[in-house]
Amino acid sequence: MDQPIELACIIDDDRIYVNLVKKIIEIKKLSQNLIIFKNGKEALDYFKAILGNISENRLPDIIFLDLNMPVMDGWEFLSEFVKIKNNFNKKITLYVVSSSIDPRDLQRAKSFNLVTDYLIKPIELKQFEKIFDQDVA
């Protein structure tokens, strides 16, 4: 792997999971920067704020989105993000990350064009490395 991706984003309210992912990303130097949001609304507000002032380096290369969160869940975030995503001139890879193994959730996630894959928690280290390698390639 030549160089880590510039900016990764985690949208998840599970602090233990977020800290674990953060550690993996730091230790393995998978991303230079990381932004974390506790729910879909915080993330959406961030992306909408960038819309008025598009600065590519403030847009993540990769997003890990949880489905079950307070305030605004992953589904609501996806529905809103789809509407503004095309205003960004950057490829953003989005992974849904959930502890749900319900096939309906998997199907629903795959119905969104912008969802690259559906990952089931806990994500293994090898899986993370593979994801970041693909995104850099």
Protein backbone atom coordinates (compact mmCIF):
# COMPACT_ATOMS: atom_id res chain seq x y z
CA MET A 1 0.00 0.00 0.00
CA ASP A 2 1.59 3.25 -1.10
CA GLN A 3 -0.15 5.90 0.88
CA PRO A 4 -3.08 5.96 3.24
CA ILE A 5 -6.30 7.53 2.14
CA GLU A 6 -6.72 11.17 3.08
CA LEU A 7 -9.90 11.17 5.14
CA ALA A 8 -12.13 8.43 6.54
CA CYS A 9 -15.50 8.99 8.19
CA ILE A 10 -17.34 6.92 10.79
CA ILE A 11 -21.02 7.55 11.48
CA ASP A 12 -21.84 5.44 14.52
CA ASP A 13 -23.10 5.97 18.06
CA ASP A 14 -21.30 2.95 19.54
CA ARG A 15 -18.30 4.49 21.33
CA ILE A 16 -16.54 1.17 21.93
CA TYR A 17 -16.79 0.21 18.26
CA VAL A 18 -15.71 3.70 17.13
CA ASN A 19 -12.67 3.64 19.43
CA LEU A 20 -11.71 0.20 18.16
CA VAL A 21 -11.92 1.29 14.52
CA LYS A 22 -10.03 4.48 15.32
CA LYS A 23 -7.21 2.47 16.91
CA ILE A 24 -7.02 0.09 13.94
CA ILE A 25 -6.89 2.99 11.48
CA GLU A 26 -4.18 4.77 13.52
CA ILE A 27 -2.03 1.69 14.20
CA LYS A 28 -2.23 0.46 10.62
CA LYS A 29 -1.96 4.02 9.23
CA LEU A 30 -4.92 3.35 6.96
CA SER A 31 -6.07 6.96 6.83
CA GLN A 32 -4.36 10.27 7.51
CA ASN A 33 -7.44 11.80 9.13
CA LEU A 34 -10.66 10.60 10.63
CA ILE A 35 -13.96 12.33 11.29
CA ILE A 36 -16.54 10.78 13.57
CA PHE A 37 -20.23 11.56 13.90
CA LYS A 38 -22.56 10.10 16.54
CA ASN A 39 -25.59 10.05 14.26
CA GLY A 40 -26.76 10.64 10.71
CA LYS A 41 -27.93 14.18 11.40
CA GLU A 42 -24.51 15.36 12.60
CA ALA A 43 -22.95 13.85 9.47
CA LEU A 44 -25.59 15.27 7.14
CA ASP A 45 -25.19 18.74 8.66
CA TYR A 46 -21.45 18.47 8.03
CA PHE A 47 -21.92 17.47 4.38
CA LYS A 48 -24.55 20.17 3.80
CA ALA A 49 -22.18 22.77 5.28
CA ILE A 50 -19.48 21.69 2.82
CA LEU A 51 -21.93 22.02 -0.08
CA GLY A 52 -21.82 25.80 0.11
CA ASN A 53 -18.05 25.77 0.28
CA ILE A 54 -16.80 22.75 -1.58
CA SER A 55 -13.39 21.87 -0.38
CA GLU A 56 -12.46 18.40 -1.61
CA ASN A 57 -10.05 17.75 1.24
CA ARG A 58 -12.91 18.04 3.74
CA LEU A 59 -14.82 15.27 1.98
CA PRO A 60 -14.05 11.75 3.13
CA ASP A 61 -12.79 9.13 0.70
CA ILE A 62 -14.61 6.46 2.65
CA ILE A 63 -17.61 6.38 4.99
CA PHE A 64 -18.54 3.65 7.47
CA LEU A 65 -22.22 4.07 8.26
CA ASP A 66 -24.05 2.37 11.11
CA LEU A 67 -27.78 1.71 10.68
CA ASN A 68 -29.13 1.90 14.22
CA MET A 69 -28.50 5.29 15.79
CA PRO A 70 -30.55 7.85 17.69
CA VAL A 71 -31.69 11.18 16.16
CA MET A 72 -31.20 10.10 12.53
CA ASP A 73 -30.44 6.49 11.68
CA GLY A 74 -28.38 5.13 8.79
CA TRP A 75 -31.41 4.64 6.52
CA GLU A 76 -32.52 8.26 6.95
CA PHE A 77 -28.96 9.43 6.37
CA LEU A 78 -28.74 7.41 3.14
CA SER A 79 -32.04 8.80 1.86
CA GLU A 80 -30.84 12.36 2.43
CA PHE A 81 -27.23 11.84 1.35
CA VAL A 82 -28.35 10.44 -2.01
CA LYS A 83 -29.93 13.84 -2.77
CA ILE A 84 -26.76 15.86 -2.23
CA LYS A 85 -24.03 13.35 -3.14
CA ASN A 86 -23.91 14.31 -6.82
CA ASN A 87 -22.93 17.86 -5.90
CA PHE A 88 -19.61 16.54 -4.68
CA ASN A 89 -16.99 16.11 -7.33
CA LYS A 90 -15.32 13.27 -5.52
CA LYS A 91 -15.76 9.52 -5.37
CA ILE A 92 -16.90 8.60 -1.89
CA THR A 93 -16.94 4.92 -0.99
CA LEU A 94 -19.69 4.11 1.48
CA TYR A 95 -19.97 0.96 3.57
CA VAL A 96 -22.98 0.13 5.69
CA VAL A 97 -21.73 -1.41 8.93
CA SER A 98 -24.27 -3.08 11.15
CA SER A 99 -24.69 -5.84 13.67
CA SER A 100 -27.94 -6.73 11.89
CA ILE A 101 -27.81 -9.97 9.93
CA ASP A 102 -31.38 -9.51 8.69
CA PRO A 103 -31.39 -10.27 4.93
CA ARG A 104 -33.94 -7.47 4.43
CA ASP A 105 -31.44 -4.92 5.77
CA LEU A 106 -28.82 -6.31 3.43
CA GLN A 107 -31.18 -6.05 0.43
CA ARG A 108 -32.29 -2.57 1.40
CA ALA A 109 -28.70 -1.38 1.75
CA LYS A 110 -27.77 -2.84 -1.64
CA SER A 111 -30.71 -0.99 -3.19
CA PHE A 112 -28.77 2.26 -2.70
CA ASN A 113 -26.31 2.79 -5.56
CA LEU A 114 -23.86 4.56 -3.32
CA VAL A 115 -23.51 1.61 -0.91
CA THR A 116 -20.38 -0.34 -1.85
CA ASP A 117 -20.95 -3.16 0.58
CA TYR A 118 -22.73 -4.27 3.73
CA LEU A 119 -20.38 -5.24 6.54
CA ILE A 120 -21.44 -7.07 9.65
CA LYS A 121 -19.96 -6.06 13.00
CA PRO A 122 -17.51 -6.83 14.35
CA ILE A 123 -15.32 -6.15 11.32
CA GLU A 124 -12.07 -8.07 11.28
CA LEU A 125 -8.72 -6.38 10.85
CA LYS A 126 -8.07 -8.16 7.53
CA GLN A 127 -11.38 -6.86 6.21
CA PHE A 128 -10.41 -3.29 7.10
CA GLU A 129 -7.04 -3.58 5.44
CA LYS A 130 -8.65 -4.97 2.30
CA ILE A 131 -11.20 -2.13 2.21
CA PHE A 132 -8.55 0.56 2.56
CA ASP A 133 -6.29 -1.13 0.00
CA GLN A 134 -9.13 -1.20 -2.54
CA ASP A 135 -9.95 2.42 -1.94
CA VAL A 136 -6.39 3.53 -2.56
CA ALA A 137 -5.97 1.44 -5.70
